């Protein structure tokens, strides 16, 4: 099967490698001029948890195929669209007239209504998922990341379409377990709120990496995420359907902060997931916080902890 990853970011690279290992032909679509800058290989340091609880360490230079154009008559079967939520509309608009025969897997954070976020992409050609991997590219260009053994999928209709089922089969064939989320829309927004808490505190400390092993900072991150729960309720999310997923935000923040701090010290995959986020110029953390705060204000929900950090993520000249 021919698979096209949009961009050569962390998630695209991690799962592109996994899918190629499973026998698929994988390429990366990058912006014009980027192919030469990226080169024809990626240096990878990966903790792969698919087969071992503590992960199998992979260190390799992985050859990749990059392309800078996508013709409307291409022969790609699956397009994996994993970009920052603030770039999703732009990417969807680019793909809509170039979708060809492919299925598009929307694979990442969404804060708008999902069907609005994908613009003119035909709904019957779209599958919905969320990666269970994380990491970052270091200043040396090395991708340091961890891969969990499962992938999250959800649907917005009554049942998975044939295309959605086929995408699940592809990922299952790559040695990944499939976890289904019945209320995918609600889950996405809860995850986004939790991310906003983490990123707000990460920006206070400079980068998310500085939260590893810091119970006080992780407690503060949980409290920011918690104050966004009324925003989700105002958007129509039935929080009672997500009792387990909401435990980190509803449990005593000191206990959650302590547990996470310990995990990021003693569990190598958890530590890597945090410490790889060390780019102070990354835009996604700021965009997540900005958009969460904007929605809280639109709905009239007070979020004093997030507002107190606004100077760290507001656009230049805003406010």
Foldseek 3Di string as FASTA:
>chain_A
DEEEEEDCFQVSVVVQVLLVVLPYHYAYADAPPCDVVLDQWAFEFEFECLPPPQGDTDTDIGGHHYDHDAALQDDGAEYEYEDQQVCQQVVLVVCQSRVHNYAYEDEDAHDPQVVVSNPNRDPLRYWYWYADKAFAQDPVRHTYMYHHQAIEGEDPDDDDDPNNVVVVVSVVSSSHHYDYDHCVRLVSNLVLLLLLLLLLLQLVVQWQLVLALPLVSQLSSLQLSLLLVVLSVLVPRDCVSVVPVCCCNPPRSSVSSVVLNVCLVPRVNSVRRRNRGNDSPDQSNLVSLVVSVVSCVVSVRDRPSSVVSNVSRPDVPDD
